[in-house]
């Protein structure tokens, strides 16, 4: 019977995502990933090399999935609120990404796949700058700071859920999640508006 190589690789990636999100790079062992995947540890090494290569792959894959799911171009940025809302939705559905990024920051050192990630964010900054030139966004705002602020506005709810609950006094049920999303959308619109925004 043929060995399901792709299925084994997928199980290893999924197990690594779970373990890294829970325990970070330093707290995760290759043995724990292999055990969760139900795969021999030596097979993990043969497929992915070492733990660092697996970490880079997992984080890089999650960031690629985000970029594919929440892409913007040109006039899409005319409704910056919906862009922020889409970011919020993605992070709410994939809280592991925020945890991975937190662990990466706590670990220090150079970020995984820094060249590609920097290029991706530079593209985003240029899209925002173009939208500012077209009058869709407030031109007085630094576009790089704006990209970072919108990511933080959308993602921080899931990254530190305990803080969100302590401050708002509400657990993230469907109703509260909808209220948070509405806030993110309206706050992004007001932050970036070229003219005062009323209502909401």
N, C-alpha and C. Protein backbone atom coordinates (compact mmCIF):
# COMPACT_ATOMS: atom_id res chain seq x y z
N UNK A 1 0.84 -1.19 0.00
CA UNK A 1 0.00 0.00 0.00
C UNK A 1 0.88 1.25 0.00
N UNK A 2 0.56 2.21 -0.87
CA UNK A 2 1.38 3.42 -1.00
C UNK A 2 1.21 4.30 0.24
N UNK A 3 2.31 4.94 0.62
CA UNK A 3 2.29 5.85 1.78
C UNK A 3 1.67 7.18 1.37
N UNK A 4 0.74 7.70 2.17
CA UNK A 4 0.07 8.97 1.87
C UNK A 4 0.98 10.11 2.30
N UNK A 5 1.92 10.45 1.43
CA UNK A 5 2.91 11.47 1.78
C UNK A 5 2.27 12.82 2.04
N UNK A 6 1.37 13.24 1.15
CA UNK A 6 0.76 14.57 1.32
C UNK A 6 -0.12 14.61 2.56
N UNK A 7 -0.84 13.53 2.82
CA UNK A 7 -1.66 13.48 4.02
C UNK A 7 -0.82 13.55 5.28
N UNK A 8 0.32 12.87 5.27
CA UNK A 8 1.22 12.91 6.42
C UNK A 8 1.79 14.32 6.61
N UNK A 9 2.19 14.93 5.53
CA UNK A 9 2.71 16.31 5.62
C UNK A 9 1.64 17.25 6.18
N UNK A 10 0.41 17.09 5.71
CA UNK A 10 -0.67 17.96 6.18
C UNK A 10 -0.91 17.76 7.68
N UNK A 11 -0.93 16.50 8.12
CA UNK A 11 -1.13 16.24 9.55
C UNK A 11 -0.01 16.84 10.39
N UNK A 12 1.21 16.76 9.89
CA UNK A 12 2.34 17.34 10.61
C UNK A 12 2.22 18.86 10.68
N UNK A 13 1.82 19.50 9.58
CA UNK A 13 1.67 20.96 9.59
C UNK A 13 0.56 21.38 10.55
N UNK A 14 -0.55 20.66 10.52
CA UNK A 14 -1.67 21.00 11.41
C UNK A 14 -1.28 20.79 12.87
N UNK A 15 -0.58 19.70 13.14
CA UNK A 15 -0.13 19.45 14.51
C UNK A 15 0.86 20.51 14.96
N UNK A 16 1.76 20.90 14.07
CA UNK A 16 2.74 21.93 14.41
C UNK A 16 2.05 23.27 14.68
N UNK A 17 1.04 23.61 13.89
CA UNK A 17 0.29 24.85 14.12
C UNK A 17 -0.31 24.84 15.52
N UNK A 18 -0.95 23.74 15.89
CA UNK A 18 -1.57 23.64 17.21
C UNK A 18 -0.54 23.76 18.33
N UNK A 19 0.55 23.02 18.20
CA UNK A 19 1.57 23.02 19.26
C UNK A 19 2.29 24.36 19.35
N UNK A 20 2.68 24.93 18.23
CA UNK A 20 3.38 26.22 18.25
C UNK A 20 2.48 27.33 18.78
N UNK A 21 1.20 27.33 18.39
CA UNK A 21 0.28 28.36 18.88
C UNK A 21 0.09 28.24 20.38
N UNK A 22 0.09 27.01 20.89
CA UNK A 22 -0.13 26.79 22.32
C UNK A 22 1.11 27.07 23.15
N UNK A 23 2.28 26.63 22.66
CA UNK A 23 3.48 26.65 23.49
C UNK A 23 4.63 27.48 22.95
N UNK A 24 4.49 28.04 21.76
CA UNK A 24 5.58 28.81 21.17
C UNK A 24 6.68 27.91 20.63
N UNK A 25 7.68 28.55 20.04
CA UNK A 25 8.78 27.78 19.46
C UNK A 25 9.56 27.04 20.54
N UNK A 26 9.96 27.75 21.59
CA UNK A 26 10.81 27.14 22.61
C UNK A 26 10.08 26.09 23.42
N UNK A 27 8.76 26.24 23.60
CA UNK A 27 8.01 25.29 24.41
C UNK A 27 7.51 24.08 23.65
N UNK A 28 7.72 24.06 22.35
CA UNK A 28 7.26 22.95 21.52
C UNK A 28 8.41 22.01 21.19
N UNK A 29 8.17 20.73 21.28
CA UNK A 29 9.19 19.75 20.89
C UNK A 29 8.76 19.05 19.61
N UNK A 30 9.74 18.58 18.87
CA UNK A 30 9.46 17.81 17.66
C UNK A 30 8.67 16.56 18.02
N UNK A 31 8.99 15.98 19.16
CA UNK A 31 8.28 14.77 19.60
C UNK A 31 6.80 15.06 19.83
N UNK A 32 6.48 16.22 20.40
CA UNK A 32 5.08 16.58 20.65
C UNK A 32 4.31 16.75 19.35
N UNK A 33 4.96 17.39 18.37
CA UNK A 33 4.31 17.57 17.06
C UNK A 33 4.07 16.21 16.41
N UNK A 34 5.10 15.38 16.39
CA UNK A 34 4.98 14.06 15.76
C UNK A 34 3.92 13.22 16.46
N UNK A 35 3.88 13.28 17.79
CA UNK A 35 2.90 12.51 18.55
C UNK A 35 1.48 12.97 18.24
N UNK A 36 1.27 14.29 18.19
CA UNK A 36 -0.06 14.81 17.87
C UNK A 36 -0.50 14.39 16.47
N UNK A 37 0.46 14.36 15.54
CA UNK A 37 0.14 13.99 14.16
C UNK A 37 0.03 12.48 13.97
N UNK A 38 0.49 11.72 14.96
CA UNK A 38 0.49 10.28 14.83
C UNK A 38 1.51 9.78 13.82
N UNK A 39 2.66 10.48 13.81
CA UNK A 39 3.70 10.21 12.82
C UNK A 39 5.02 10.00 13.54
N UNK A 40 5.85 9.14 13.02
CA UNK A 40 7.18 8.92 13.58
C UNK A 40 8.01 10.20 13.50
N UNK A 41 8.73 10.49 14.57
CA UNK A 41 9.53 11.72 14.65
C UNK A 41 10.55 11.81 13.51
N UNK A 42 11.13 10.68 13.13
CA UNK A 42 12.13 10.69 12.07
C UNK A 42 11.52 11.11 10.74
N UNK A 43 10.24 10.79 10.54
CA UNK A 43 9.58 11.19 9.29
C UNK A 43 9.42 12.72 9.25
N UNK A 44 9.13 13.32 10.40
CA UNK A 44 9.05 14.78 10.45
C UNK A 44 10.38 15.40 10.02
N UNK A 45 11.47 14.89 10.56
CA UNK A 45 12.78 15.41 10.19
C UNK A 45 13.05 15.23 8.69
N UNK A 46 12.64 14.09 8.14
CA UNK A 46 12.90 13.84 6.73
C UNK A 46 12.08 14.76 5.84
N UNK A 47 10.88 15.14 6.29
CA UNK A 47 10.02 16.02 5.49
C UNK A 47 10.40 17.49 5.64
N UNK A 48 10.71 17.91 6.87
CA UNK A 48 10.83 19.35 7.13
C UNK A 48 12.20 19.78 7.65
N UNK A 49 13.10 18.87 7.87
CA UNK A 49 14.42 19.26 8.33
C UNK A 49 14.48 19.34 9.84
N UNK A 50 14.29 20.54 10.39
CA UNK A 50 14.36 20.70 11.83
C UNK A 50 13.19 21.55 12.33
N UNK A 51 13.16 21.79 13.62
CA UNK A 51 12.05 22.53 14.22
C UNK A 51 11.96 23.95 13.69
N UNK A 52 13.10 24.60 13.48
CA UNK A 52 13.09 25.98 12.98
C UNK A 52 12.49 26.05 11.58
N UNK A 53 12.84 25.10 10.73
CA UNK A 53 12.28 25.08 9.38
C UNK A 53 10.76 24.86 9.44
N UNK A 54 10.31 24.01 10.37
CA UNK A 54 8.88 23.76 10.51
C UNK A 54 8.17 24.99 11.04
N UNK A 55 8.76 25.68 12.01
CA UNK A 55 8.20 26.93 12.53
C UNK A 55 8.05 27.96 11.41
N UNK A 56 9.11 28.15 10.63
CA UNK A 56 9.06 29.11 9.53
C UNK A 56 7.97 28.76 8.53
N UNK A 57 7.84 27.47 8.23
CA UNK A 57 6.82 27.03 7.29
C UNK A 57 5.42 27.30 7.84
N UNK A 58 5.19 26.95 9.09
CA UNK A 58 3.87 27.13 9.69
C UNK A 58 3.48 28.59 9.73
N UNK A 59 4.36 29.44 10.23
CA UNK A 59 4.03 30.86 10.31
C UNK A 59 3.88 31.46 8.92
N UNK A 60 4.77 31.11 8.02
CA UNK A 60 4.68 31.62 6.65
C UNK A 60 3.38 31.21 5.98
N UNK A 61 2.97 29.97 6.19
CA UNK A 61 1.73 29.48 5.59
C UNK A 61 0.53 30.23 6.14
N UNK A 62 0.50 30.46 7.45
CA UNK A 62 -0.63 31.19 8.04
C UNK A 62 -0.70 32.63 7.53
N UNK A 63 0.44 33.26 7.34
CA UNK A 63 0.45 34.62 6.82
C UNK A 63 0.02 34.66 5.35
N UNK A 64 0.41 33.64 4.58
CA UNK A 64 -0.03 33.55 3.19
C UNK A 64 -1.55 33.37 3.12
N UNK A 65 -2.09 32.57 4.02
CA UNK A 65 -3.54 32.37 4.04
C UNK A 65 -4.28 33.67 4.36
N UNK A 66 -3.75 34.43 5.29
CA UNK A 66 -4.33 35.73 5.61
C UNK A 66 -4.29 36.65 4.40
N UNK A 67 -3.13 36.72 3.74
CA UNK A 67 -2.98 37.61 2.58
C UNK A 67 -3.95 37.22 1.47
N UNK A 68 -4.15 35.92 1.28
CA UNK A 68 -5.07 35.46 0.23
C UNK A 68 -6.52 35.76 0.57
N UNK A 69 -6.86 35.68 1.85
CA UNK A 69 -8.24 35.87 2.28
C UNK A 69 -8.63 37.33 2.39
N UNK A 70 -7.67 38.19 2.74
CA UNK A 70 -7.96 39.61 2.94
C UNK A 70 -7.02 40.41 2.03
N UNK A 71 -7.34 40.40 0.76
CA UNK A 71 -6.50 41.13 -0.19
C UNK A 71 -7.20 42.42 -0.58
N UNK A 72 -6.42 43.43 -0.88
CA UNK A 72 -6.97 44.71 -1.31
C UNK A 72 -6.22 45.17 -2.55
N UNK A 73 -6.92 45.92 -3.37
CA UNK A 73 -6.26 46.53 -4.52
C UNK A 73 -7.08 47.75 -4.94
N UNK A 74 -6.37 48.79 -5.23
CA UNK A 74 -6.99 50.00 -5.77
C UNK A 74 -8.19 50.48 -4.97
N UNK A 75 -9.35 50.48 -5.62
CA UNK A 75 -10.54 51.07 -5.04
C UNK A 75 -11.11 50.27 -3.87
N UNK A 76 -10.61 49.05 -3.64
CA UNK A 76 -11.08 48.31 -2.47
C UNK A 76 -10.86 49.12 -1.19
N UNK A 77 -9.85 49.96 -1.19
CA UNK A 77 -9.53 50.73 0.00
C UNK A 77 -10.46 51.94 0.17
N UNK A 78 -11.36 52.16 -0.77
CA UNK A 78 -12.32 53.25 -0.59
C UNK A 78 -13.21 52.98 0.62
N UNK A 79 -13.45 51.72 0.94
CA UNK A 79 -14.17 51.39 2.16
C UNK A 79 -13.20 50.72 3.12
N UNK A 80 -12.42 51.55 3.79
CA UNK A 80 -11.39 51.05 4.69
C UNK A 80 -12.01 50.31 5.86
N UNK A 81 -13.26 50.66 6.19
CA UNK A 81 -13.94 49.97 7.28
C UNK A 81 -14.16 48.50 6.98
N UNK A 82 -14.56 48.20 5.75
CA UNK A 82 -14.79 46.80 5.39
C UNK A 82 -13.49 46.02 5.29
N UNK A 83 -12.40 46.70 4.91
CA UNK A 83 -11.09 46.05 4.94
C UNK A 83 -10.75 45.66 6.38
N UNK A 84 -10.95 46.61 7.32
CA UNK A 84 -10.68 46.31 8.73
C UNK A 84 -11.62 45.23 9.24
N UNK A 85 -12.88 45.25 8.80
CA UNK A 85 -13.84 44.22 9.20
C UNK A 85 -13.43 42.84 8.70
N UNK A 86 -12.91 42.77 7.47
CA UNK A 86 -12.44 41.50 6.94
C UNK A 86 -11.24 40.99 7.73
N UNK A 87 -10.35 41.89 8.13
CA UNK A 87 -9.23 41.51 8.99
C UNK A 87 -9.73 40.95 10.33
N UNK A 88 -10.71 41.64 10.90
CA UNK A 88 -11.29 41.19 12.17
C UNK A 88 -11.87 39.79 12.01
N UNK A 89 -12.64 39.57 10.94
CA UNK A 89 -13.26 38.27 10.71
C UNK A 89 -12.21 37.17 10.60
N UNK A 90 -11.13 37.47 9.87
CA UNK A 90 -10.12 36.44 9.66
C UNK A 90 -9.45 36.07 10.99
N UNK A 91 -9.07 37.08 11.76
CA UNK A 91 -8.41 36.80 13.04
C UNK A 91 -9.36 36.12 14.03
N UNK A 92 -10.65 36.45 13.96
CA UNK A 92 -11.62 35.78 14.83
C UNK A 92 -11.73 34.30 14.48
N UNK A 93 -11.63 33.99 13.19
CA UNK A 93 -11.74 32.60 12.74
C UNK A 93 -10.43 31.84 12.87
N UNK A 94 -9.31 32.56 12.96
CA UNK A 94 -7.98 31.93 13.02
C UNK A 94 -7.14 32.54 14.15
N UNK A 95 -7.54 32.35 15.40
CA UNK A 95 -6.81 32.98 16.51
C UNK A 95 -5.39 32.48 16.66
N UNK A 96 -5.07 31.34 16.04
CA UNK A 96 -3.71 30.81 16.13
C UNK A 96 -2.69 31.76 15.54
N UNK A 97 -3.08 32.51 14.50
CA UNK A 97 -2.13 33.42 13.86
C UNK A 97 -1.64 34.48 14.83
N UNK A 98 -2.55 35.09 15.58
CA UNK A 98 -2.14 36.09 16.56
C UNK A 98 -1.22 35.52 17.62
N UNK A 99 -1.50 34.28 18.03
CA UNK A 99 -0.65 33.64 19.03
C UNK A 99 0.74 33.37 18.48
N UNK A 100 0.81 32.91 17.23
CA UNK A 100 2.12 32.68 16.61
C UNK A 100 2.92 33.97 16.54
N UNK A 101 2.27 35.06 16.16
CA UNK A 101 2.98 36.33 16.06
C UNK A 101 3.44 36.82 17.43
N UNK A 102 2.63 36.59 18.45
CA UNK A 102 3.05 36.95 19.80
C UNK A 102 4.26 36.14 20.23
N UNK A 103 4.21 34.84 19.99
CA UNK A 103 5.36 34.00 20.35
C UNK A 103 6.61 34.43 19.59
N UNK A 104 6.45 34.79 18.34
CA UNK A 104 7.61 35.24 17.56
C UNK A 104 8.21 36.49 18.18
N UNK A 105 7.34 37.43 18.59
CA UNK A 105 7.83 38.65 19.21
C UNK A 105 8.52 38.40 20.54
N UNK A 106 7.96 37.50 21.34
CA UNK A 106 8.56 37.18 22.64
C UNK A 106 9.91 36.48 22.48
N UNK A 107 10.03 35.69 21.43
CA UNK A 107 11.27 34.96 21.22
C UNK A 107 12.42 35.88 20.83
N UNK A 108 12.10 36.96 20.13
CA UNK A 108 13.15 37.88 19.66
C UNK A 108 13.90 37.29 18.48
N UNK A 109 14.91 38.01 18.06
CA UNK A 109 15.68 37.56 16.91
C UNK A 109 14.98 37.95 15.61
N UNK A 110 15.59 37.62 14.48
CA UNK A 110 14.98 38.00 13.20
C UNK A 110 13.67 37.26 12.96
N UNK A 111 12.67 37.93 12.41
CA UNK A 111 11.40 37.27 12.15
C UNK A 111 11.53 36.24 11.03
N UNK A 112 10.62 35.28 11.04
CA UNK A 112 10.61 34.25 10.00
C UNK A 112 10.32 34.89 8.65
N UNK A 113 11.06 34.46 7.63
CA UNK A 113 10.81 34.88 6.24
C UNK A 113 10.70 36.41 6.13
N UNK A 114 11.64 37.11 6.76
CA UNK A 114 11.55 38.57 6.88
C UNK A 114 11.51 39.27 5.53
N UNK A 115 12.28 38.80 4.56
CA UNK A 115 12.35 39.50 3.27
C UNK A 115 10.99 39.47 2.57
N UNK A 116 10.38 38.30 2.51
CA UNK A 116 9.08 38.18 1.84
C UNK A 116 8.01 38.95 2.60
N UNK A 117 8.04 38.87 3.91
CA UNK A 117 7.03 39.58 4.70
C UNK A 117 7.18 41.09 4.57
N UNK A 118 8.40 41.57 4.58
CA UNK A 118 8.63 43.00 4.41
C UNK A 118 8.11 43.47 3.05
N UNK A 119 8.37 42.67 2.02
CA UNK A 119 7.90 43.02 0.67
C UNK A 119 6.37 43.06 0.63
N UNK A 120 5.72 42.10 1.30
CA UNK A 120 4.26 42.07 1.34
C UNK A 120 3.72 43.34 1.99
N UNK A 121 4.29 43.70 3.12
CA UNK A 121 3.79 44.90 3.82
C UNK A 121 4.13 46.16 3.04
N UNK A 122 5.26 46.17 2.34
CA UNK A 122 5.59 47.33 1.52
C UNK A 122 4.56 47.51 0.42
N UNK A 123 4.10 46.39 -0.16
CA UNK A 123 3.03 46.47 -1.16
C UNK A 123 1.77 47.07 -0.56
N UNK A 124 1.42 46.62 0.66
CA UNK A 124 0.24 47.17 1.34
C UNK A 124 0.39 48.67 1.56
N UNK A 125 1.57 49.09 2.00
CA UNK A 125 1.81 50.51 2.25
C UNK A 125 1.64 51.30 0.96
N UNK A 126 2.15 50.78 -0.14
CA UNK A 126 2.01 51.47 -1.42
C UNK A 126 0.54 51.55 -1.85
N UNK A 127 -0.23 50.49 -1.58
CA UNK A 127 -1.66 50.53 -1.89
C UNK A 127 -2.35 51.62 -1.07
N UNK A 128 -1.99 51.72 0.20
CA UNK A 128 -2.58 52.76 1.05
C UNK A 128 -2.15 54.14 0.56
N UNK A 129 -0.89 54.28 0.20
CA UNK A 129 -0.39 55.57 -0.29
C UNK A 129 -1.13 55.97 -1.57
N UNK A 130 -1.36 55.01 -2.44
CA UNK A 130 -2.10 55.28 -3.68
C UNK A 130 -3.53 55.71 -3.37
N UNK A 131 -4.16 55.03 -2.41
CA UNK A 131 -5.52 55.40 -2.02
C UNK A 131 -5.55 56.81 -1.44
N UNK A 132 -4.50 57.20 -0.73
CA UNK A 132 -4.42 58.56 -0.20
C UNK A 132 -4.31 59.57 -1.35
N UNK A 133 -3.51 59.26 -2.34
CA UNK A 133 -3.38 60.17 -3.49
C UNK A 133 -4.70 60.33 -4.24
N UNK A 134 -5.49 59.25 -4.26
CA UNK A 134 -6.79 59.29 -4.94
C UNK A 134 -7.87 59.95 -4.09
N UNK A 135 -7.53 60.29 -2.84
CA UNK A 135 -8.49 60.95 -1.97
C UNK A 135 -9.39 60.03 -1.20
N UNK A 136 -9.11 58.71 -1.24
CA UNK A 136 -9.95 57.75 -0.52
C UNK A 136 -9.62 57.67 0.96
N UNK A 137 -8.38 58.02 1.33
CA UNK A 137 -7.94 57.97 2.72
C UNK A 137 -7.29 59.30 3.09
N UNK A 138 -7.32 59.61 4.38
CA UNK A 138 -6.70 60.84 4.89
C UNK A 138 -5.21 60.85 4.55
N UNK A 139 -4.80 61.83 3.75
CA UNK A 139 -3.41 61.90 3.30
C UNK A 139 -2.46 62.36 4.39
N UNK A 140 -2.99 62.84 5.51
CA UNK A 140 -2.12 63.32 6.59
C UNK A 140 -1.56 62.18 7.42
N UNK A 141 -2.09 60.98 7.25
CA UNK A 141 -1.65 59.84 8.05
C UNK A 141 -0.50 59.12 7.37
N UNK A 142 0.53 58.76 8.14
CA UNK A 142 1.63 57.98 7.61
C UNK A 142 1.08 56.62 7.18
N UNK A 143 1.23 56.23 5.90
CA UNK A 143 0.61 54.99 5.45
C UNK A 143 1.15 53.74 6.14
N UNK A 144 2.42 53.73 6.50
CA UNK A 144 2.98 52.57 7.21
C UNK A 144 2.37 52.46 8.60
N UNK A 145 2.26 53.59 9.29
CA UNK A 145 1.63 53.57 10.61
C UNK A 145 0.16 53.18 10.51
N UNK A 146 -0.48 53.61 9.43
CA UNK A 146 -1.89 53.30 9.23
C UNK A 146 -2.09 51.79 9.03
N UNK A 147 -1.25 51.17 8.23
CA UNK A 147 -1.35 49.72 8.03
C UNK A 147 -1.22 49.00 9.37
N UNK A 148 -0.22 49.39 10.15
CA UNK A 148 -0.01 48.74 11.44
C UNK A 148 -1.20 48.98 12.37
N UNK A 149 -1.71 50.21 12.41
CA UNK A 149 -2.82 50.55 13.31
C UNK A 149 -4.07 49.75 12.97
N UNK A 150 -4.36 49.58 11.70
CA UNK A 150 -5.56 48.84 11.30
C UNK A 150 -5.43 47.36 11.64
N UNK A 151 -4.23 46.80 11.46
CA UNK A 151 -4.02 45.40 11.84
C UNK A 151 -4.23 45.24 13.35
N UNK A 152 -3.66 46.17 14.12
CA UNK A 152 -3.82 46.10 15.57
C UNK A 152 -5.28 46.25 15.98
N UNK A 153 -5.97 47.21 15.37
CA UNK A 153 -7.38 47.45 15.67
C UNK A 153 -8.22 46.20 15.42
N UNK A 154 -7.92 45.49 14.35
CA UNK A 154 -8.72 44.33 13.98
C UNK A 154 -8.32 43.07 14.72
N UNK A 155 -7.03 42.90 14.99
CA UNK A 155 -6.53 41.62 15.49
C UNK A 155 -6.41 41.54 17.01
N UNK A 156 -6.27 42.66 17.68
CA UNK A 156 -5.93 42.62 19.10
C UNK A 156 -7.04 42.01 19.95
N UNK A 157 -8.28 42.06 19.47
CA UNK A 157 -9.39 41.45 20.21
C UNK A 157 -9.15 39.96 20.43
N UNK A 158 -8.63 39.29 19.41
CA UNK A 158 -8.38 37.86 19.50
C UNK A 158 -7.03 37.54 20.11
N UNK A 159 -6.09 38.47 19.96
CA UNK A 159 -4.74 38.23 20.46
C UNK A 159 -4.70 38.26 21.98
N UNK A 160 -5.46 39.18 22.57
CA UNK A 160 -5.55 39.25 24.05
C UNK A 160 -7.03 39.22 24.46
N UNK A 161 -7.70 38.10 24.27
CA UNK A 161 -9.14 38.04 24.56
C UNK A 161 -9.47 38.32 26.01
N UNK A 162 -8.54 37.97 26.91
CA UNK A 162 -8.80 38.21 28.33
C UNK A 162 -8.88 39.71 28.62
N UNK A 163 -8.05 40.50 27.95
CA UNK A 163 -8.07 41.95 28.13
C UNK A 163 -9.36 42.55 27.57
N UNK A 164 -9.78 42.05 26.41
CA UNK A 164 -11.03 42.52 25.81
C UNK A 164 -12.21 42.26 26.75
N UNK A 165 -12.22 41.09 27.37
CA UNK A 165 -13.33 40.75 28.26
C UNK A 165 -13.28 41.57 29.55
N UNK A 166 -12.06 41.79 30.09
CA UNK A 166 -11.94 42.59 31.30
C UNK A 166 -12.40 44.02 31.07
N UNK A 167 -12.06 44.58 29.92
CA UNK A 167 -12.40 45.98 29.63
C UNK A 167 -13.88 46.13 29.29
N UNK A 168 -14.40 45.26 28.43
CA UNK A 168 -15.78 45.42 27.98
C UNK A 168 -16.78 44.78 28.93
N UNK A 169 -16.32 43.82 29.75
CA UNK A 169 -17.23 43.11 30.63
C UNK A 169 -18.10 42.11 29.91
N UNK A 170 -17.75 41.81 28.66
CA UNK A 170 -18.58 40.91 27.86
C UNK A 170 -17.74 39.79 27.28
N UNK A 171 -18.29 38.56 27.35
CA UNK A 171 -17.62 37.43 26.72
C UNK A 171 -17.93 37.45 25.23
N UNK A 172 -17.06 36.88 24.41
CA UNK A 172 -17.23 37.00 22.95
C UNK A 172 -18.25 36.03 22.37
N UNK A 173 -19.52 36.17 22.77
CA UNK A 173 -20.57 35.40 22.11
C UNK A 173 -20.87 36.06 20.76
N UNK A 174 -21.83 35.52 20.03
CA UNK A 174 -22.10 36.03 18.68
C UNK A 174 -22.51 37.51 18.70
N UNK A 175 -23.32 37.89 19.68
CA UNK A 175 -23.78 39.28 19.76
C UNK A 175 -22.62 40.23 20.05
N UNK A 176 -21.79 39.87 21.01
CA UNK A 176 -20.65 40.72 21.35
C UNK A 176 -19.64 40.76 20.20
N UNK A 177 -19.43 39.64 19.53
CA UNK A 177 -18.51 39.62 18.39
C UNK A 177 -19.00 40.57 17.30
N UNK A 178 -20.31 40.60 17.07
CA UNK A 178 -20.87 41.51 16.07
C UNK A 178 -20.67 42.97 16.50
N UNK A 179 -20.83 43.25 17.80
CA UNK A 179 -20.62 44.61 18.30
C UNK A 179 -19.16 45.03 18.12
N UNK A 180 -18.24 44.11 18.40
CA UNK A 180 -16.82 44.41 18.24
C UNK A 180 -16.48 44.67 16.78
N UNK A 181 -17.03 43.85 15.90
CA UNK A 181 -16.76 44.04 14.47
C UNK A 181 -17.29 45.40 14.01
N UNK A 182 -18.49 45.73 14.44
CA UNK A 182 -19.07 47.03 14.08
C UNK A 182 -18.17 48.17 14.55
N UNK A 183 -17.66 48.04 15.77
CA UNK A 183 -16.76 49.07 16.28
C UNK A 183 -15.50 49.18 15.42
N UNK A 184 -14.91 48.04 15.06
CA UNK A 184 -13.68 48.03 14.25
C UNK A 184 -13.94 48.72 12.91
N UNK A 185 -15.04 48.39 12.26
CA UNK A 185 -15.38 48.99 10.96
C UNK A 185 -15.55 50.50 11.09
N UNK A 186 -16.33 50.93 12.07
CA UNK A 186 -16.58 52.37 12.23
C UNK A 186 -15.33 53.12 12.67
N UNK A 187 -14.54 52.52 13.57
CA UNK A 187 -13.32 53.19 14.02
C UNK A 187 -12.34 53.36 12.86
N UNK A 188 -12.23 52.35 12.01
CA UNK A 188 -11.33 52.46 10.85
C UNK A 188 -11.81 53.56 9.91
N UNK A 189 -13.10 53.63 9.66
CA UNK A 189 -13.64 54.67 8.78
C UNK A 189 -13.37 56.07 9.34
N UNK A 190 -13.59 56.21 10.63
CA UNK A 190 -13.39 57.53 11.24
C UNK A 190 -11.91 57.90 11.29
N UNK A 191 -11.06 56.92 11.56
CA UNK A 191 -9.63 57.18 11.60
C UNK A 191 -9.11 57.68 10.26
N UNK A 192 -9.59 57.10 9.19
CA UNK A 192 -9.03 57.37 7.86
C UNK A 192 -9.83 58.36 7.04
N UNK A 193 -10.95 58.86 7.58
CA UNK A 193 -11.84 59.69 6.79
C UNK A 193 -11.17 60.99 6.36
N UNK A 194 -11.41 61.36 5.10
CA UNK A 194 -10.90 62.65 4.61
C UNK A 194 -11.83 63.78 5.02
N UNK A 195 -13.07 63.45 5.38
CA UNK A 195 -14.02 64.42 5.91
C UNK A 195 -14.67 63.79 7.14
N UNK A 196 -15.18 64.60 8.07
CA UNK A 196 -15.76 64.03 9.29
C UNK A 196 -16.86 63.01 8.98
N UNK A 197 -16.86 61.91 9.73
CA UNK A 197 -17.87 60.87 9.59
C UNK A 197 -18.92 61.06 10.67
N UNK A 198 -20.19 61.04 10.28
CA UNK A 198 -21.26 61.18 11.25
C UNK A 198 -22.07 59.90 11.31
N UNK A 199 -22.69 59.68 12.44
CA UNK A 199 -23.54 58.49 12.58
C UNK A 199 -22.72 57.24 12.77
N UNK A 200 -23.27 56.07 12.36
CA UNK A 200 -22.51 54.84 12.50
C UNK A 200 -23.37 53.69 12.86
